[in-house]
Amino acid sequence: MILPDPSPTEIADARIPAAHPFSTHLRWAAALDALEPHRPWTPEDGPLPSLYLSHGGGPLPFESPEWLTPLHDWARSLPKPKAILVVSAHWESAPLSVSADRPAELVYDFGGFDPLYYTFRYDTPDAGELARQVVGLMPDTEQVHRHAGRGLDHGAWVPLKIMYPAADVPVLQLSLPTEDPDRLLAIGERLRPLREQGVLVIGSGHMTHGLPYLTREMFQENKVPGWSADFDAWAADALARGDVAELARFRTAAPGMPYAHPTVEHFTPLFVTLGAATDPTAPVVTRLDGYGVGLSRRSFQAA
């Protein structure tokens, strides 16, 4: 039997030191998949949920079981999607744009980390069909730019490499073209039919992201500042009540502002997630909470 050549992702992953937490994660995930293959989505499963992910600080989730295990467990709790569409905080671009169908390189949009992380790869299958579907779902007034040179940024590839480490699901990234919640809800609503075809729609940001206001002590001892805890509690309450209007008023209604979000791009992908839900006002299911270096990791799925 002739075995296929290893993919660039497999070659890069094999170079990760054996003692690194992510290397352990890869071995565990491979063993689990060999024992119990991840069941693929079928139409009988109905629409996949839409997700909001707090994606962590740069590549730091690769080092922490508090990210690795919950994210992978979350992925395994759902049927394996046919494709994934991600709206990330790290690609603010108008007009609305989609990434390359099969990008050759990732975007390493973080600095000051171990050189190892700049060698990571995530070579996923061609997402051209999903790109055509996304373009077709948008109104004539919302022209979509096909950005042939754009790879996946860390708001997309870091959590997905943990959730789907085999890199065997097509991934497409959609830009974040506005900060306006109503427009983002409308974009999410346009994407809703994709869920019925086995596409996982993800908004990737961070529930609180006040990096300029974190102190050394918070980093070292994971102390949670009041503005982060207050904003998280407010968001959790509004999400539990399905109060989209309250969430849309976050700039003025949320405690902890503007410290929790001195810029808002890590919160606003949430509105794409809710817009893509069957009922944006239904309570969501929180799948990850707690704090990392003082920032809320709250992540959820909406049916």
Protein backbone atom coordinates (compact mmCIF):
# COMPACT_ATOMS: atom_id res chain seq x y z
CA MET A 1 0.00 0.00 0.00
CA ILE A 2 1.32 3.42 -0.99
CA LEU A 3 0.76 5.99 1.74
CA PRO A 4 0.01 9.60 0.76
CA ASP A 5 2.72 12.17 1.28
CA PRO A 6 2.27 14.16 4.50
CA SER A 7 0.63 17.53 4.12
CA PRO A 8 2.47 20.79 4.93
CA THR A 9 0.37 20.98 8.10
CA GLU A 10 1.38 17.48 9.18
CA ILE A 11 5.05 18.21 8.48
CA ALA A 12 4.89 21.45 10.50
CA ASP A 13 3.05 19.76 13.36
CA ALA A 14 5.66 16.98 13.51
CA ARG A 15 8.31 19.61 14.30
CA ILE A 16 6.54 20.80 17.47
CA PRO A 17 8.55 19.61 20.50
CA ALA A 18 6.98 16.51 22.03
CA ALA A 19 6.71 18.17 25.45
CA HIS A 20 4.76 21.15 24.14
CA PRO A 21 1.10 21.15 25.31
CA PHE A 22 -0.15 21.44 21.73
CA SER A 23 1.89 18.42 20.66
CA THR A 24 0.19 16.46 23.42
CA HIS A 25 -3.15 17.81 22.21
CA LEU A 26 -2.45 16.66 18.65
CA ARG A 27 -1.57 13.15 19.78
CA TRP A 28 -4.66 12.94 21.99
CA ALA A 29 -6.95 14.27 19.23
CA ALA A 30 -5.53 11.81 16.69
CA ALA A 31 -5.97 8.90 19.08
CA LEU A 32 -9.55 9.95 19.82
CA ASP A 33 -10.37 10.24 16.13
CA ALA A 34 -8.88 6.82 15.45
CA LEU A 35 -10.97 5.31 18.23
CA GLU A 36 -14.15 7.21 17.41
CA PRO A 37 -14.07 9.11 14.10
CA HIS A 38 -15.76 12.50 14.18
CA ARG A 39 -19.18 11.95 12.62
CA PRO A 40 -19.78 14.20 9.60
CA TRP A 41 -22.84 16.42 9.40
CA THR A 42 -25.83 15.12 7.44
CA PRO A 43 -29.11 16.90 6.56
CA GLU A 44 -30.84 14.74 9.17
CA ASP A 45 -28.89 16.67 11.84
CA GLY A 46 -30.67 19.89 10.95
CA PRO A 47 -28.94 23.30 10.97
CA LEU A 48 -25.65 23.61 12.78
CA PRO A 49 -25.54 26.30 15.49
CA SER A 50 -23.69 29.55 14.98
CA LEU A 51 -20.79 30.20 17.35
CA TYR A 52 -19.13 33.15 19.04
CA LEU A 53 -15.55 32.37 20.06
CA SER A 54 -13.28 34.29 22.39
CA HIS A 55 -10.09 33.29 20.59
CA GLY A 56 -7.44 34.09 23.20
CA GLY A 57 -4.27 36.16 23.05
CA GLY A 58 -2.28 35.40 19.91
CA PRO A 59 -1.03 31.79 20.03
CA LEU A 60 -1.32 31.47 23.84
CA PRO A 61 -4.28 29.02 23.64
CA PHE A 62 -1.84 26.45 22.20
CA GLU A 63 -0.12 26.40 25.60
CA SER A 64 -3.11 26.02 27.90
CA PRO A 65 -5.33 22.99 28.66
CA GLU A 66 -7.95 25.56 29.71
CA TRP A 67 -8.30 26.38 26.02
CA LEU A 68 -7.22 23.16 24.29
CA THR A 69 -9.59 20.64 25.86
CA PRO A 70 -12.79 22.76 26.00
CA LEU A 71 -12.44 23.98 22.41
CA HIS A 72 -11.81 20.49 21.04
CA ASP A 73 -14.62 19.02 23.16
CA TRP A 74 -16.94 21.71 21.81
CA ALA A 75 -16.07 20.79 18.23
CA ARG A 76 -16.58 17.09 18.93
CA SER A 77 -19.98 17.75 20.51
CA LEU A 78 -21.20 18.90 17.09
CA PRO A 79 -21.24 16.94 13.84
CA LYS A 80 -18.16 17.70 11.75
CA PRO A 81 -19.19 20.57 9.45
CA LYS A 82 -18.93 20.44 5.69
CA ALA A 83 -17.25 23.85 5.78
CA ILE A 84 -16.56 26.73 8.18
CA LEU A 85 -17.15 30.46 7.66
CA VAL A 86 -15.37 32.77 10.13
CA VAL A 87 -15.79 36.49 10.76
CA SER A 88 -12.76 37.59 12.79
CA ALA A 89 -12.00 40.73 14.74
CA HIS A 90 -8.66 40.85 12.97
CA TRP A 91 -9.93 41.52 9.47
CA GLU A 92 -11.78 44.81 9.42
CA SER A 93 -12.32 45.56 5.76
CA ALA A 94 -14.97 47.20 3.62
CA PRO A 95 -16.41 46.40 1.17
CA LEU A 96 -17.35 42.99 2.49
CA SER A 97 -14.60 40.58 1.43
CA VAL A 98 -13.85 36.87 1.48
CA SER A 99 -10.43 35.30 1.84
CA ALA A 100 -8.62 33.14 -0.69
CA ASP A 101 -10.37 29.87 -1.54
CA ARG A 102 -7.26 27.97 -0.50
CA PRO A 103 -4.74 30.42 0.97
CA ALA A 104 -1.09 29.46 0.67
CA GLU A 105 -0.04 31.19 3.89
CA LEU A 106 -1.51 32.08 7.25
CA VAL A 107 -1.51 35.61 8.67
CA TYR A 108 0.75 35.66 11.75
CA ASP A 109 -0.74 38.86 13.13
CA PHE A 110 0.84 38.73 16.57
CA GLY A 111 4.26 39.69 17.88
CA GLY A 112 6.72 38.85 20.62
CA PHE A 113 5.94 35.13 20.85
CA ASP A 114 8.08 32.02 20.48
CA PRO A 115 9.39 31.71 16.87
CA LEU A 116 7.81 28.25 16.81
CA TYR A 117 4.37 29.77 16.30
CA TYR A 118 5.41 31.50 13.08
CA THR A 119 6.04 28.06 11.56
CA PHE A 120 2.55 26.71 12.33
CA ARG A 121 0.43 25.84 9.31
CA TYR A 122 -3.25 25.13 8.72
CA ASP A 123 -3.68 23.95 5.13
CA THR A 124 -7.40 23.31 4.73
CA PRO A 125 -9.26 22.06 1.63
CA ASP A 126 -10.46 24.40 -1.11
CA ALA A 127 -13.34 26.64 0.04
CA GLY A 128 -14.26 27.97 -3.38
CA GLU A 129 -17.77 26.52 -3.31
CA LEU A 130 -18.46 28.20 0.04
CA ALA A 131 -17.14 31.50 -1.31
CA ARG A 132 -19.56 31.26 -4.24
CA GLN A 133 -22.41 30.52 -1.85
CA VAL A 134 -21.57 33.52 0.36
CA VAL A 135 -21.41 35.85 -2.63
CA GLY A 136 -24.76 34.53 -3.85
CA LEU A 137 -26.43 35.11 -0.49
CA MET A 138 -25.58 38.80 -0.31
CA PRO A 139 -27.91 41.43 -1.77
CA ASP A 140 -26.95 43.28 -4.95
CA THR A 141 -26.22 46.33 -2.79
CA GLU A 142 -23.56 44.37 -0.84
CA GLN A 143 -20.86 43.62 -3.38
CA VAL A 144 -18.40 41.04 -2.06
CA HIS A 145 -14.73 41.37 -2.92
CA ARG A 146 -12.84 38.11 -3.57
CA HIS A 147 -9.47 38.73 -1.88
CA ALA A 148 -7.31 36.11 -3.59
CA GLY A 149 -4.21 36.90 -1.52
CA ARG A 150 -5.78 36.87 1.93
CA GLY A 151 -4.93 34.02 4.30
CA LEU A 152 -6.57 33.17 7.62
CA ASP A 153 -5.62 35.44 10.53
CA HIS A 154 -5.06 34.20 14.07
CA GLY A 155 -8.65 34.93 15.08
CA ALA A 156 -9.58 32.16 12.64
CA TRP A 157 -6.74 29.66 12.45
CA VAL A 158 -5.68 29.52 16.11
CA PRO A 159 -9.03 28.30 17.54
CA LEU A 160 -9.80 26.18 14.48
CA LYS A 161 -6.44 24.42 14.59
CA ILE A 162 -7.33 23.39 18.14
CA MET A 163 -10.92 22.42 17.31
CA TYR A 164 -10.22 20.67 13.99
CA PRO A 165 -6.50 19.85 14.10
CA ALA A 166 -6.63 17.51 11.09
CA ALA A 167 -7.21 20.58 8.87
CA ASP A 168 -9.71 18.54 6.84
CA VAL A 169 -12.62 21.03 6.76
CA PRO A 170 -12.70 23.88 4.20
CA VAL A 171 -12.40 27.28 5.91
CA LEU A 172 -13.32 30.68 4.49
CA GLN A 173 -12.93 34.01 6.23
CA LEU A 174 -15.37 36.89 5.80
CA SER A 175 -14.27 40.41 6.64
CA LEU A 176 -15.83 42.58 9.34
CA PRO A 177 -17.00 45.55 7.22
CA THR A 178 -18.66 47.72 9.87
CA GLU A 179 -19.08 48.32 13.61
CA ASP A 180 -22.83 48.81 13.26
CA PRO A 181 -24.72 46.02 15.10
CA ASP A 182 -27.81 46.28 12.89
CA ARG A 183 -25.83 45.84 9.70
CA LEU A 184 -23.87 42.93 11.18
CA LEU A 185 -27.11 41.27 12.31
CA ALA A 186 -28.39 41.64 8.73
CA ILE A 187 -25.23 40.06 7.32
CA GLY A 188 -25.62 37.18 9.77
CA GLU A 189 -29.23 36.72 8.71
CA ARG A 190 -28.10 36.43 5.09
CA LEU A 191 -25.69 33.69 6.14
CA ARG A 192 -28.38 31.72 8.00
CA PRO A 193 -29.16 29.31 5.11
CA LEU A 194 -25.56 28.08 5.20
CA ARG A 195 -26.20 26.42 8.56
CA GLU A 196 -28.88 24.26 6.91
CA GLN A 197 -26.20 22.99 4.51
CA GLY A 198 -23.77 21.92 7.21
CA VAL A 199 -21.68 25.10 7.32
CA LEU A 200 -20.48 26.27 10.73
CA VAL A 201 -20.77 30.08 11.00
CA ILE A 202 -18.41 31.59 13.58
CA GLY A 203 -17.91 35.09 14.92
CA SER A 204 -14.44 35.25 16.49
CA GLY A 205 -13.47 37.97 18.94
CA HIS A 206 -13.10 38.24 22.72
CA MET A 207 -15.83 39.01 25.24
CA THR A 208 -13.57 41.59 26.87
CA HIS A 209 -10.43 42.96 25.25
CA GLY A 210 -9.09 45.86 27.29
CA LEU A 211 -5.44 45.06 26.66
CA PRO A 212 -4.19 48.63 27.26
CA TYR A 213 -5.62 48.54 30.79
CA LEU A 214 -4.11 45.27 31.95
CA THR A 215 -1.31 45.51 34.51
CA ARG A 216 1.68 43.24 34.99
CA GLU A 217 0.04 41.90 38.13
CA MET A 218 -3.06 40.88 36.17
CA PHE A 219 -0.90 38.99 33.67
CA GLN A 220 1.13 37.25 36.35
CA GLU A 221 -1.70 36.38 38.74
CA ASN A 222 -4.69 36.29 36.35
CA LYS A 223 -6.48 38.92 38.42
CA VAL A 224 -9.77 40.02 36.92
CA PRO A 225 -10.29 43.80 36.75
CA GLY A 226 -13.71 45.11 37.69
CA TRP A 227 -14.41 46.47 34.23
CA SER A 228 -13.89 43.00 32.71
CA ALA A 229 -16.06 41.20 35.27
CA ASP A 230 -18.81 43.82 35.07
CA PHE A 231 -18.97 43.77 31.27
CA ASP A 232 -18.98 39.98 31.18
CA ALA A 233 -21.82 39.76 33.72
CA TRP A 234 -23.84 42.32 31.74
CA ALA A 235 -23.31 40.43 28.47
CA ALA A 236 -24.13 37.06 30.06
CA ASP A 237 -27.40 38.44 31.42
CA ALA A 238 -28.42 40.02 28.10
CA LEU A 239 -27.56 36.84 26.19
CA ALA A 240 -29.53 34.71 28.65
CA ARG A 241 -32.55 36.93 28.09
CA GLY A 242 -32.08 37.15 24.33
CA ASP A 243 -31.97 40.93 24.60
CA VAL A 244 -30.32 41.81 21.31
CA ALA A 245 -31.37 45.45 21.58
CA GLU A 246 -29.53 45.76 24.90
CA LEU A 247 -26.43 44.14 23.43
CA ALA A 248 -26.55 46.56 20.50
CA ARG A 249 -26.40 49.46 22.97
CA PHE A 250 -23.16 48.13 24.47
CA ARG A 251 -21.21 51.36 23.96
CA THR A 252 -23.50 53.25 26.34
CA ALA A 253 -25.36 50.53 28.26
CA ALA A 254 -22.60 48.14 29.28
CA PRO A 255 -20.70 48.67 32.55
CA GLY A 256 -16.97 48.61 32.13
CA MET A 257 -16.96 50.56 28.88
CA PRO A 258 -14.77 51.77 27.30
CA TYR A 259 -12.17 49.79 29.28
CA ALA A 260 -13.61 46.42 28.31
CA HIS A 261 -13.49 47.40 24.63
CA PRO A 262 -11.40 50.50 23.89
CA THR A 263 -11.94 49.46 20.28
CA VAL A 264 -14.99 47.35 19.53
CA GLU A 265 -13.93 44.86 16.86
CA HIS A 266 -13.60 41.98 19.35
CA PHE A 267 -17.22 42.34 20.48
CA THR A 268 -19.03 43.11 17.22
CA PRO A 269 -18.56 39.66 15.56
CA LEU A 270 -21.11 38.55 18.16
CA PHE A 271 -23.82 40.24 16.07
CA VAL A 272 -23.00 38.13 13.01
CA THR A 273 -23.33 35.05 15.23
CA LEU A 274 -26.72 36.16 16.56
CA GLY A 275 -27.94 37.24 13.14
CA ALA A 276 -27.13 33.79 11.75
CA ALA A 277 -29.14 32.10 14.51
CA THR A 278 -32.63 30.83 13.75
CA ASP A 279 -33.95 33.11 16.49
CA PRO A 280 -31.46 35.81 17.55
CA THR A 281 -33.54 36.52 20.66
CA ALA A 282 -33.42 32.94 21.99
CA PRO A 283 -31.10 32.28 24.94
CA VAL A 284 -27.67 31.02 23.94
CA VAL A 285 -25.66 28.12 25.36
CA THR A 286 -22.36 29.16 26.95
CA ARG A 287 -19.61 26.66 26.11
CA LEU A 288 -16.57 28.42 27.56
CA ASP A 289 -16.33 30.98 30.36
CA GLY A 290 -13.89 32.19 32.96
CA TYR A 291 -10.95 34.51 32.40
CA GLY A 292 -7.50 34.51 30.88
CA VAL A 293 -5.07 37.26 31.95
CA GLY A 294 -8.10 39.14 33.27
CA LEU A 295 -10.10 39.00 30.04
CA SER A 296 -13.42 37.18 29.71
CA ARG A 297 -13.28 34.03 27.59
CA ARG A 298 -17.07 33.73 27.33
CA SER A 299 -17.94 31.79 24.16
CA PHE A 300 -21.34 30.45 23.15
CA GLN A 301 -23.47 28.76 20.53
CA ALA A 302 -26.82 29.95 19.24
CA ALA A 303 -29.37 27.60 17.68
